[in-house]
């Protein structure tokens, strides 16, 4: 599996290394969801959004297994987060380089 190649190269071939990348990106997705909810609404909304996503059984099972859906969701949520940052910065007339970040998360 392509998303586990870094961990496989450094830790060898096992069930743990094939699931490591998916689990780490699943955790990072929860962090991105928190920051997205915080940026769009408020910190409690961001916390509740991450809490609800983290307790969904489907997301939890996908993040626990070595599936390509979790990295895909991470990069889509990341691109949406950086797009929101770009739009908020454009309204405040503060140019920041988040357009490139949003585009690079999409691939």
PDB file of N, CA and C in Angstrom:
ATOM      1  N   UNK A   1       0.843  -1.177   0.000  1.00  0.00           N
ATOM      2  CA  UNK A   1       0.000   0.000   0.000  1.00  0.00           C
ATOM      3  C   UNK A   1       0.884   1.234   0.000  1.00  0.00           C
ATOM      4  N   UNK A   2       0.561   2.202  -0.816  1.00  0.00           N
ATOM      5  CA  UNK A   2       1.425   3.365  -1.009  1.00  0.00           C
ATOM      6  C   UNK A   2       1.497   4.266   0.216  1.00  0.00           C
ATOM      7  N   UNK A   3       0.414   4.423   0.959  1.00  0.00           N
ATOM      8  CA  UNK A   3       0.439   5.347   2.095  1.00  0.00           C
ATOM      9  C   UNK A   3       1.226   4.804   3.276  1.00  0.00           C
ATOM     10  N   UNK A   4       1.540   3.536   3.299  1.00  0.00           N
ATOM     11  CA  UNK A   4       2.310   2.964   4.377  1.00  0.00           C
ATOM     12  C   UNK A   4       3.766   2.727   4.040  1.00  0.00           C
ATOM     13  N   UNK A   5       4.223   3.219   2.879  1.00  0.00           N
ATOM     14  CA  UNK A   5       5.578   2.913   2.440  1.00  0.00           C
ATOM     15  C   UNK A   5       6.632   3.547   3.347  1.00  0.00           C
ATOM     16  N   UNK A   6       6.404   4.732   3.857  1.00  0.00           N
ATOM     17  CA  UNK A   6       7.374   5.376   4.748  1.00  0.00           C
ATOM     18  C   UNK A   6       7.544   4.575   6.023  1.00  0.00           C
ATOM     19  N   UNK A   7       6.430   4.206   6.640  1.00  0.00           N
ATOM     20  CA  UNK A   7       6.526   3.444   7.880  1.00  0.00           C
ATOM     21  C   UNK A   7       7.052   2.039   7.627  1.00  0.00           C
ATOM     22  N   UNK A   8       6.738   1.452   6.490  1.00  0.00           N
ATOM     23  CA  UNK A   8       7.254   0.133   6.162  1.00  0.00           C
ATOM     24  C   UNK A   8       8.756   0.173   5.941  1.00  0.00           C
ATOM     25  N   UNK A   9       9.225   1.226   5.299  1.00  0.00           N
ATOM     26  CA  UNK A   9      10.653   1.357   5.042  1.00  0.00           C
ATOM     27  C   UNK A   9      11.436   1.498   6.347  1.00  0.00           C
ATOM     28  N   UNK A  10      10.883   2.216   7.314  1.00  0.00           N
ATOM     29  CA  UNK A  10      11.610   2.487   8.546  1.00  0.00           C
ATOM     30  C   UNK A  10      11.368   1.465   9.656  1.00  0.00           C
ATOM     31  N   UNK A  11      10.213   0.799   9.650  1.00  0.00           N
ATOM     32  CA  UNK A  11       9.886  -0.118  10.734  1.00  0.00           C
ATOM     33  C   UNK A  11       9.721  -1.568  10.289  1.00  0.00           C
ATOM     34  N   UNK A  12       9.846  -1.846   9.002  1.00  0.00           N
ATOM     35  CA  UNK A  12       9.679  -3.210   8.512  1.00  0.00           C
ATOM     36  C   UNK A  12       8.234  -3.502   8.148  1.00  0.00           C
ATOM     37  N   UNK A  13       8.011  -4.697   7.623  1.00  0.00           N
ATOM     38  CA  UNK A  13       6.684  -5.097   7.174  1.00  0.00           C
ATOM     39  C   UNK A  13       5.955  -5.808   8.319  1.00  0.00           C
ATOM     40  N   UNK A  14       4.842  -5.232   8.737  1.00  0.00           N
ATOM     41  CA  UNK A  14       3.994  -5.855   9.753  1.00  0.00           C
ATOM     42  C   UNK A  14       2.619  -5.191   9.702  1.00  0.00           C
ATOM     43  N   UNK A  15       1.688  -5.726  10.452  1.00  0.00           N
ATOM     44  CA  UNK A  15       0.357  -5.120  10.522  1.00  0.00           C
ATOM     45  C   UNK A  15       0.418  -3.729  11.133  1.00  0.00           C
ATOM     46  N   UNK A  16       1.279  -3.555  12.114  1.00  0.00           N
ATOM     47  CA  UNK A  16       1.404  -2.260  12.777  1.00  0.00           C
ATOM     48  C   UNK A  16       1.848  -1.172  11.799  1.00  0.00           C
ATOM     49  N   UNK A  17       2.851  -1.465  11.011  1.00  0.00           N
ATOM     50  CA  UNK A  17       3.367  -0.426  10.110  1.00  0.00           C
ATOM     51  C   UNK A  17       2.396  -0.111   8.983  1.00  0.00           C
ATOM     52  N   UNK A  18       1.618  -1.088   8.559  1.00  0.00           N
ATOM     53  CA  UNK A  18       0.651  -0.795   7.501  1.00  0.00           C
ATOM     54  C   UNK A  18      -0.517   0.042   8.012  1.00  0.00           C
ATOM     55  N   UNK A  19      -0.796  -0.029   9.300  1.00  0.00           N
ATOM     56  CA  UNK A  19      -1.894   0.750   9.876  1.00  0.00           C
ATOM     57  C   UNK A  19      -1.435   2.074  10.476  1.00  0.00           C
ATOM     58  N   UNK A  20      -0.135   2.270  10.618  1.00  0.00           N
ATOM     59  CA  UNK A  20       0.393   3.449  11.283  1.00  0.00           C
ATOM     60  C   UNK A  20       0.027   4.739  10.548  1.00  0.00           C
ATOM     61  N   UNK A  21       0.238   4.766   9.247  1.00  0.00           N
ATOM     62  CA  UNK A  21      -0.040   5.973   8.478  1.00  0.00           C
ATOM     63  C   UNK A  21      -1.518   6.335   8.529  1.00  0.00           C
ATOM     64  N   UNK A  22      -2.374   5.345   8.388  1.00  0.00           N
ATOM     65  CA  UNK A  22      -3.810   5.600   8.428  1.00  0.00           C
ATOM     66  C   UNK A  22      -4.240   6.130   9.789  1.00  0.00           C
ATOM     67  N   UNK A  23      -3.686   5.582  10.848  1.00  0.00           N
ATOM     68  CA  UNK A  23      -4.039   6.042  12.195  1.00  0.00           C
ATOM     69  C   UNK A  23      -3.537   7.460  12.454  1.00  0.00           C
ATOM     70  N   UNK A  24      -2.319   7.757  12.022  1.00  0.00           N
ATOM     71  CA  UNK A  24      -1.773   9.104  12.218  1.00  0.00           C
ATOM     72  C   UNK A  24      -2.548  10.150  11.423  1.00  0.00           C
ATOM     73  N   UNK A  25      -2.886   9.825  10.180  1.00  0.00           N
ATOM     74  CA  UNK A  25      -3.647  10.781   9.378  1.00  0.00           C
ATOM     75  C   UNK A  25      -5.088  10.904   9.867  1.00  0.00           C
ATOM     76  N   UNK A  26      -5.637   9.856  10.450  1.00  0.00           N
ATOM     77  CA  UNK A  26      -6.961   9.954  11.066  1.00  0.00           C
ATOM     78  C   UNK A  26      -6.948  10.900  12.253  1.00  0.00           C
ATOM     79  N   UNK A  27      -5.905  10.815  13.071  1.00  0.00           N
ATOM     80  CA  UNK A  27      -5.764  11.736  14.204  1.00  0.00           C
ATOM     81  C   UNK A  27      -5.541  13.165  13.728  1.00  0.00           C
ATOM     82  N   UNK A  28      -4.742  13.322  12.690  1.00  0.00           N
ATOM     83  CA  UNK A  28      -4.499  14.658  12.141  1.00  0.00           C
ATOM     84  C   UNK A  28      -5.769  15.239  11.519  1.00  0.00           C
ATOM     85  N   UNK A  29      -6.629  14.393  10.977  1.00  0.00           N
ATOM     86  CA  UNK A  29      -7.899  14.864  10.431  1.00  0.00           C
ATOM     87  C   UNK A  29      -8.774  15.444  11.536  1.00  0.00           C
ATOM     88  N   UNK A  30      -8.774  14.813  12.704  1.00  0.00           N
ATOM     89  CA  UNK A  30      -9.549  15.347  13.831  1.00  0.00           C
ATOM     90  C   UNK A  30      -9.033  16.726  14.230  1.00  0.00           C
ATOM     91  N   UNK A  31      -7.723  16.910  14.207  1.00  0.00           N
ATOM     92  CA  UNK A  31      -7.144  18.214  14.535  1.00  0.00           C
ATOM     93  C   UNK A  31      -7.550  19.253  13.489  1.00  0.00           C
ATOM     94  N   UNK A  32      -7.491  18.880  12.209  1.00  0.00           N
ATOM     95  CA  UNK A  32      -7.901  19.813  11.151  1.00  0.00           C
ATOM     96  C   UNK A  32      -9.380  20.171  11.248  1.00  0.00           C
ATOM     97  N   UNK A  33     -10.206  19.197  11.590  1.00  0.00           N
ATOM     98  CA  UNK A  33     -11.642  19.478  11.745  1.00  0.00           C
ATOM     99  C   UNK A  33     -11.861  20.448  12.895  1.00  0.00           C
ATOM    100  N   UNK A  34     -11.113  20.276  13.984  1.00  0.00           N
ATOM    101  CA  UNK A  34     -11.227  21.214  15.100  1.00  0.00           C
ATOM    102  C   UNK A  34     -10.867  22.639  14.653  1.00  0.00           C
ATOM    103  N   UNK A  35      -9.729  22.789  13.969  1.00  0.00           N
ATOM    104  CA  UNK A  35      -9.312  24.127  13.541  1.00  0.00           C
ATOM    105  C   UNK A  35     -10.248  24.724  12.500  1.00  0.00           C
ATOM    106  N   UNK A  36     -10.824  23.881  11.649  1.00  0.00           N
ATOM    107  CA  UNK A  36     -11.789  24.371  10.661  1.00  0.00           C
ATOM    108  C   UNK A  36     -13.050  24.870  11.342  1.00  0.00           C
ATOM    109  N   UNK A  37     -13.573  24.109  12.295  1.00  0.00           N
ATOM    110  CA  UNK A  37     -14.757  24.554  13.040  1.00  0.00           C
ATOM    111  C   UNK A  37     -14.479  25.788  13.872  1.00  0.00           C
ATOM    112  N   UNK A  38     -13.270  25.864  14.437  1.00  0.00           N
ATOM    113  CA  UNK A  38     -12.880  27.035  15.221  1.00  0.00           C
ATOM    114  C   UNK A  38     -12.776  28.273  14.340  1.00  0.00           C
ATOM    115  N   UNK A  39     -12.227  28.117  13.136  1.00  0.00           N
ATOM    116  CA  UNK A  39     -12.067  29.260  12.228  1.00  0.00           C
ATOM    117  C   UNK A  39     -13.412  29.718  11.669  1.00  0.00           C
ATOM    118  N   UNK A  40     -14.293  28.779  11.366  1.00  0.00           N
ATOM    119  CA  UNK A  40     -15.575  29.152  10.767  1.00  0.00           C
ATOM    120  C   UNK A  40     -16.590  29.638  11.797  1.00  0.00           C
ATOM    121  N   UNK A  41     -16.593  29.042  12.992  1.00  0.00           N
ATOM    122  CA  UNK A  41     -17.618  29.378  13.971  1.00  0.00           C
ATOM    123  C   UNK A  41     -17.015  29.800  15.309  1.00  0.00           C
ATOM    124  N   UNK A  42     -16.634  28.842  16.139  1.00  0.00           N
ATOM    125  CA  UNK A  42     -16.082  29.144  17.464  1.00  0.00           C
ATOM    126  C   UNK A  42     -15.340  27.909  17.978  1.00  0.00           C
ATOM    127  N   UNK A  43     -14.496  28.064  19.005  1.00  0.00           N
ATOM    128  CA  UNK A  43     -13.785  26.892  19.542  1.00  0.00           C
ATOM    129  C   UNK A  43     -14.694  25.766  20.046  1.00  0.00           C
ATOM    130  N   UNK A  44     -15.820  26.063  20.711  1.00  0.00           N
ATOM    131  CA  UNK A  44     -16.679  24.932  21.110  1.00  0.00           C
ATOM    132  C   UNK A  44     -17.253  24.156  19.923  1.00  0.00           C
ATOM    133  N   UNK A  45     -17.569  24.862  18.851  1.00  0.00           N
ATOM    134  CA  UNK A  45     -18.088  24.182  17.662  1.00  0.00           C
ATOM    135  C   UNK A  45     -17.005  23.303  17.045  1.00  0.00           C
ATOM    136  N   UNK A  46     -15.773  23.799  17.003  1.00  0.00           N
ATOM    137  CA  UNK A  46     -14.671  22.999  16.492  1.00  0.00           C
ATOM    138  C   UNK A  46     -14.438  21.756  17.330  1.00  0.00           C
ATOM    139  N   UNK A  47     -14.517  21.916  18.651  1.00  0.00           N
ATOM    140  CA  UNK A  47     -14.330  20.772  19.540  1.00  0.00           C
ATOM    141  C   UNK A  47     -15.434  19.743  19.356  1.00  0.00           C
ATOM    142  N   UNK A  48     -16.670  20.200  19.285  1.00  0.00           N
ATOM    143  CA  UNK A  48     -17.789  19.273  19.087  1.00  0.00           C
ATOM    144  C   UNK A  48     -17.705  18.573  17.737  1.00  0.00           C
ATOM    145  N   UNK A  49     -17.273  19.296  16.701  1.00  0.00           N
ATOM    146  CA  UNK A  49     -17.131  18.685  15.378  1.00  0.00           C
ATOM    147  C   UNK A  49     -16.097  17.571  15.400  1.00  0.00           C
ATOM    148  N   UNK A  50     -14.944  17.843  16.014  1.00  0.00           N
ATOM    149  CA  UNK A  50     -13.904  16.817  16.108  1.00  0.00           C
ATOM    150  C   UNK A  50     -14.360  15.660  16.980  1.00  0.00           C
ATOM    151  N   UNK A  51     -15.093  15.953  18.033  1.00  0.00           N
ATOM    152  CA  UNK A  51     -15.596  14.904  18.922  1.00  0.00           C
ATOM    153  C   UNK A  51     -16.585  13.999  18.193  1.00  0.00           C
ATOM    154  N   UNK A  52     -17.496  14.599  17.449  1.00  0.00           N
ATOM    155  CA  UNK A  52     -18.487  13.812  16.715  1.00  0.00           C
ATOM    156  C   UNK A  52     -17.801  12.958  15.647  1.00  0.00           C
ATOM    157  N   UNK A  53     -16.853  13.552  14.914  1.00  0.00           N
ATOM    158  CA  UNK A  53     -16.148  12.778  13.883  1.00  0.00           C
ATOM    159  C   UNK A  53     -15.340  11.646  14.511  1.00  0.00           C
ATOM    160  N   UNK A  54     -14.709  11.909  15.641  1.00  0.00           N
ATOM    161  CA  UNK A  54     -13.911  10.885  16.296  1.00  0.00           C
ATOM    162  C   UNK A  54     -14.717   9.745  16.868  1.00  0.00           C
ATOM    163  N   UNK A  55     -15.969   9.994  17.183  1.00  0.00           N
ATOM    164  CA  UNK A  55     -16.805   8.936  17.754  1.00  0.00           C
ATOM    165  C   UNK A  55     -17.643   8.202  16.713  1.00  0.00           C
ATOM    166  N   UNK A  56     -17.594   8.624  15.469  1.00  0.00           N
ATOM    167  CA  UNK A  56     -18.298   7.889  14.418  1.00  0.00           C
ATOM    168  C   UNK A  56     -17.603   6.547  14.203  1.00  0.00           C
ATOM    169  N   UNK A  57     -18.352   5.492  14.243  1.00  0.00           N
ATOM    170  CA  UNK A  57     -17.748   4.164  14.141  1.00  0.00           C
ATOM    171  C   UNK A  57     -17.105   3.931  12.778  1.00  0.00           C
ATOM    172  N   UNK A  58     -17.690   4.458  11.731  1.00  0.00           N
ATOM    173  CA  UNK A  58     -17.121   4.261  10.402  1.00  0.00           C
ATOM    174  C   UNK A  58     -15.764   4.939  10.283  1.00  0.00           C
ATOM    175  N   UNK A  59     -15.655   6.186  10.726  1.00  0.00           N
ATOM    176  CA  UNK A  59     -14.374   6.884  10.668  1.00  0.00           C
ATOM    177  C   UNK A  59     -13.345   6.193  11.556  1.00  0.00           C
ATOM    178  N   UNK A  60     -13.754   5.773  12.723  1.00  0.00           N
ATOM    179  CA  UNK A  60     -12.843   5.098  13.646  1.00  0.00           C
ATOM    180  C   UNK A  60     -12.326   3.785  13.055  1.00  0.00           C
ATOM    181  N   UNK A  61     -13.209   3.008  12.458  1.00  0.00           N
ATOM    182  CA  UNK A  61     -12.791   1.745  11.854  1.00  0.00           C
ATOM    183  C   UNK A  61     -11.892   1.969  10.647  1.00  0.00           C
ATOM    184  N   UNK A  62     -12.206   2.965   9.828  1.00  0.00           N
ATOM    185  CA  UNK A  62     -11.361   3.248   8.669  1.00  0.00           C
ATOM    186  C   UNK A  62      -9.992   3.737   9.105  1.00  0.00           C
ATOM    187  N   UNK A  63      -9.930   4.552  10.162  1.00  0.00           N
ATOM    188  CA  UNK A  63      -8.645   5.057  10.645  1.00  0.00           C
ATOM    189  C   UNK A  63      -7.835   3.954  11.310  1.00  0.00           C
ATOM    190  N   UNK A  64      -8.497   2.956  11.831  1.00  0.00           N
ATOM    191  CA  UNK A  64      -7.809   1.847  12.492  1.00  0.00           C
ATOM    192  C   UNK A  64      -7.230   0.861  11.494  1.00  0.00           C
ATOM    193  N   UNK A  65      -7.821   0.782  10.341  1.00  0.00           N
ATOM    194  CA  UNK A  65      -7.360  -0.149   9.309  1.00  0.00           C
ATOM    195  C   UNK A  65      -6.504   0.609   8.296  1.00  0.00           C
ATOM    196  N   UNK A  66      -5.801  -0.112   7.500  1.00  0.00           N
ATOM    197  CA  UNK A  66      -4.957   0.504   6.471  1.00  0.00           C
ATOM    198  C   UNK A  66      -5.797   0.744   5.220  1.00  0.00           C
ATOM    199  N   UNK A  67      -6.571   1.832   5.226  1.00  0.00           N
ATOM    200  CA  UNK A  67      -7.437   2.146   4.096  1.00  0.00           C
ATOM    201  C   UNK A  67      -7.029   3.482   3.503  1.00  0.00           C
ATOM    202  N   UNK A  68      -7.223   3.624   2.206  1.00  0.00           N
ATOM    203  CA  UNK A  68      -6.841   4.868   1.537  1.00  0.00           C
ATOM    204  C   UNK A  68      -7.873   5.969   1.729  1.00  0.00           C
ATOM    205  N   UNK A  69      -9.012   5.671   2.301  1.00  0.00           N
ATOM    206  CA  UNK A  69     -10.037   6.685   2.513  1.00  0.00           C
ATOM    207  C   UNK A  69      -9.601   7.733   3.524  1.00  0.00           C
ATOM    208  N   UNK A  70      -8.881   7.328   4.549  1.00  0.00           N
ATOM    209  CA  UNK A  70      -8.483   8.253   5.609  1.00  0.00           C
ATOM    210  C   UNK A  70      -7.468   9.281   5.099  1.00  0.00           C
ATOM    211  N   UNK A  71      -6.415   8.902   4.374  1.00  0.00           N
ATOM    212  CA  UNK A  71      -5.539   9.938   3.804  1.00  0.00           C
ATOM    213  C   UNK A  71      -6.275  10.868   2.841  1.00  0.00           C
ATOM    214  N   UNK A  72      -7.217  10.314   2.074  1.00  0.00           N
ATOM    215  CA  UNK A  72      -8.006  11.143   1.163  1.00  0.00           C
ATOM    216  C   UNK A  72      -8.809  12.188   1.938  1.00  0.00           C
ATOM    217  N   UNK A  73      -9.468  11.773   3.010  1.00  0.00           N
ATOM    218  CA  UNK A  73     -10.252  12.704   3.826  1.00  0.00           C
ATOM    219  C   UNK A  73      -9.339  13.747   4.466  1.00  0.00           C
ATOM    220  N   UNK A  74      -8.151  13.337   4.922  1.00  0.00           N
ATOM    221  CA  UNK A  74      -7.197  14.274   5.512  1.00  0.00           C
ATOM    222  C   UNK A  74      -6.833  15.376   4.525  1.00  0.00           C
ATOM    223  N   UNK A  75      -6.496  15.008   3.301  1.00  0.00           N
ATOM    224  CA  UNK A  75      -6.073  16.009   2.333  1.00  0.00           C
ATOM    225  C   UNK A  75      -7.228  16.875   1.852  1.00  0.00           C
ATOM    226  N   UNK A  76      -8.431  16.337   1.764  1.00  0.00           N
ATOM    227  CA  UNK A  76      -9.587  17.156   1.386  1.00  0.00           C
ATOM    228  C   UNK A  76      -9.922  18.157   2.486  1.00  0.00           C
ATOM    229  N   UNK A  77      -9.949  17.710   3.745  1.00  0.00           N
ATOM    230  CA  UNK A  77     -10.229  18.617   4.861  1.00  0.00           C
ATOM    231  C   UNK A  77      -9.122  19.665   4.975  1.00  0.00           C
ATOM    232  N   UNK A  78      -7.870  19.259   4.751  1.00  0.00           N
ATOM    233  CA  UNK A  78      -6.759  20.212   4.774  1.00  0.00           C
ATOM    234  C   UNK A  78      -6.881  21.268   3.698  1.00  0.00           C
ATOM    235  N   UNK A  79      -7.280  20.877   2.495  1.00  0.00           N
ATOM    236  CA  UNK A  79      -7.442  21.862   1.430  1.00  0.00           C
ATOM    237  C   UNK A  79      -8.610  22.802   1.722  1.00  0.00           C
ATOM    238  N   UNK A  80      -9.685  22.291   2.302  1.00  0.00           N
ATOM    239  CA  UNK A  80     -10.806  23.158   2.675  1.00  0.00           C
ATOM    240  C   UNK A  80     -10.378  24.132   3.765  1.00  0.00           C
ATOM    241  N   UNK A  81      -9.603  23.660   4.733  1.00  0.00           N
ATOM    242  CA  UNK A  81      -9.120  24.534   5.808  1.00  0.00           C
ATOM    243  C   UNK A  81      -8.251  25.662   5.253  1.00  0.00           C
ATOM    244  N   UNK A  82      -7.309  25.333   4.380  1.00  0.00           N
ATOM    245  CA  UNK A  82      -6.449  26.375   3.817  1.00  0.00           C
ATOM    246  C   UNK A  82      -7.207  27.291   2.866  1.00  0.00           C
ATOM    247  N   UNK A  83      -8.246  26.781   2.198  1.00  0.00           N
ATOM    248  CA  UNK A  83      -9.090  27.640   1.378  1.00  0.00           C
ATOM    249  C   UNK A  83      -9.823  28.652   2.247  1.00  0.00           C
ATOM    250  N   UNK A  84     -10.339  28.212   3.395  1.00  0.00           N
ATOM    251  CA  UNK A  84     -11.016  29.128   4.316  1.00  0.00           C
ATOM    252  C   UNK A  84     -10.036  30.172   4.839  1.00  0.00           C
ATOM    253  N   UNK A  85      -8.817  29.759   5.159  1.00  0.00           N
ATOM    254  CA  UNK A  85      -7.793  30.723   5.592  1.00  0.00           C
ATOM    255  C   UNK A  85      -7.507  31.750   4.505  1.00  0.00           C
ATOM    256  N   UNK A  86      -7.442  31.305   3.272  1.00  0.00           N
ATOM    257  CA  UNK A  86      -7.195  32.217   2.153  1.00  0.00           C
ATOM    258  C   UNK A  86      -8.321  33.229   2.003  1.00  0.00           C
ATOM    259  N   UNK A  87      -9.556  32.763   2.098  1.00  0.00           N
ATOM    260  CA  UNK A  87     -10.685  33.676   1.953  1.00  0.00           C
ATOM    261  C   UNK A  87     -10.764  34.673   3.108  1.00  0.00           C
ATOM    262  N   UNK A  88     -10.496  34.218   4.322  1.00  0.00           N
ATOM    263  CA  UNK A  88     -10.508  35.143   5.470  1.00  0.00           C
ATOM    264  C   UNK A  88      -9.384  36.169   5.342  1.00  0.00           C
ATOM    265  N   UNK A  89      -8.220  35.764   4.859  1.00  0.00           N
ATOM    266  CA  UNK A  89      -7.094  36.684   4.689  1.00  0.00           C
ATOM    267  C   UNK A  89      -7.370  37.681   3.565  1.00  0.00           C
ATOM    268  N   UNK A  90      -8.063  37.247   2.515  1.00  0.00           N
ATOM    269  CA  UNK A  90      -8.378  38.151   1.414  1.00  0.00           C
ATOM    270  C   UNK A  90      -9.369  39.226   1.861  1.00  0.00           C
ATOM    271  N   UNK A  91     -10.286  38.879   2.739  1.00  0.00           N
ATOM    272  CA  UNK A  91     -11.246  39.863   3.235  1.00  0.00           C
ATOM    273  C   UNK A  91     -10.585  40.882   4.155  1.00  0.00           C
ATOM    274  N   UNK A  92      -9.518  40.456   4.848  1.00  0.00           N
ATOM    275  CA  UNK A  92      -8.825  41.359   5.761  1.00  0.00           C
ATOM    276  C   UNK A  92      -7.653  42.067   5.085  1.00  0.00           C
ATOM    277  N   UNK A  93      -7.472  41.857   3.802  1.00  0.00           N
ATOM    278  CA  UNK A  93      -6.385  42.465   3.018  1.00  0.00           C
ATOM    279  C   UNK A  93      -5.017  42.088   3.567  1.00  0.00           C
ATOM    280  N   UNK A  94      -4.887  40.861   4.070  1.00  0.00           N
ATOM    281  CA  UNK A  94      -3.600  40.360   4.543  1.00  0.00           C
ATOM    282  C   UNK A  94      -3.167  39.222   3.621  1.00  0.00           C
ATOM    283  N   UNK A  95      -2.281  39.508   2.698  1.00  0.00           N
ATOM    284  CA  UNK A  95      -1.877  38.435   1.777  1.00  0.00           C
ATOM    285  C   UNK A  95      -0.991  37.410   2.487  1.00  0.00           C
ATOM    286  N   UNK A  96      -1.425  36.182   2.459  1.00  0.00           N
ATOM    287  CA  UNK A  96      -0.608  35.094   2.985  1.00  0.00           C
ATOM    288  C   UNK A  96      -0.570  33.993   1.936  1.00  0.00           C
ATOM    289  N   UNK A  97       0.395  33.114   2.035  1.00  0.00           N
ATOM    290  CA  UNK A  97       0.594  32.096   1.002  1.00  0.00           C
ATOM    291  C   UNK A  97      -0.215  30.842   1.182  1.00  0.00           C
ATOM    292  N   UNK A  98      -1.474  30.968   1.544  1.00  0.00           N
ATOM    293  CA  UNK A  98      -2.265  29.765   1.778  1.00  0.00           C
ATOM    294  C   UNK A  98      -2.939  29.252   0.511  1.00  0.00           C
ATOM    295  N   UNK A  99      -2.978  30.026  -0.550  1.00  0.00           N
ATOM    296  CA  UNK A  99      -3.544  29.504  -1.806  1.00  0.00           C
ATOM    297  C   UNK A  99      -2.708  28.346  -2.315  1.00  0.00           C
ATOM    298  N   UNK A 100      -1.407  28.505  -2.218  1.00  0.00           N
ATOM    299  CA  UNK A 100      -0.523  27.407  -2.618  1.00  0.00           C
ATOM    300  C   UNK A 100      -0.729  26.203  -1.712  1.00  0.00           C
ATOM    301  N   UNK A 101      -0.890  26.424  -0.422  1.00  0.00           N
ATOM    302  CA  UNK A 101      -1.098  25.323   0.504  1.00  0.00           C
ATOM    303  C   UNK A 101      -2.424  24.603   0.209  1.00  0.00           C
ATOM    304  N   UNK A 102      -3.465  25.364  -0.075  1.00  0.00           N
ATOM    305  CA  UNK A 102      -4.750  24.748  -0.399  1.00  0.00           C
ATOM    306  C   UNK A 102      -4.653  23.924  -1.683  1.00  0.00           C
ATOM    307  N   UNK A 103      -3.956  24.465  -2.665  1.00  0.00           N
ATOM    308  CA  UNK A 103      -3.808  23.737  -3.929  1.00  0.00           C
ATOM    309  C   UNK A 103      -2.913  22.505  -3.755  1.00  0.00           C
ATOM    310  N   UNK A 104      -1.886  22.609  -2.936  1.00  0.00           N
ATOM    311  CA  UNK A 104      -0.993  21.460  -2.763  1.00  0.00           C
ATOM    312  C   UNK A 104      -1.660  20.344  -1.980  1.00  0.00           C
ATOM    313  N   UNK A 105      -2.593  20.661  -1.103  1.00  0.00           N
ATOM    314  CA  UNK A 105      -3.311  19.604  -0.389  1.00  0.00           C
ATOM    315  C   UNK A 105      -4.227  18.847  -1.331  1.00  0.00           C
ATOM    316  N   UNK A 106      -4.721  19.504  -2.363  1.00  0.00           N
ATOM    317  CA  UNK A 106      -5.570  18.809  -3.336  1.00  0.00           C
ATOM    318  C   UNK A 106      -4.759  17.954  -4.305  1.00  0.00           C
ATOM    319  N   UNK A 107      -3.483  18.261  -4.439  1.00  0.00           N
ATOM    320  CA  UNK A 107      -2.617  17.429  -5.275  1.00  0.00           C
ATOM    321  C   UNK A 107      -2.293  18.005  -6.556  1.00  0.00           C
TER     322      UNK A 107
END
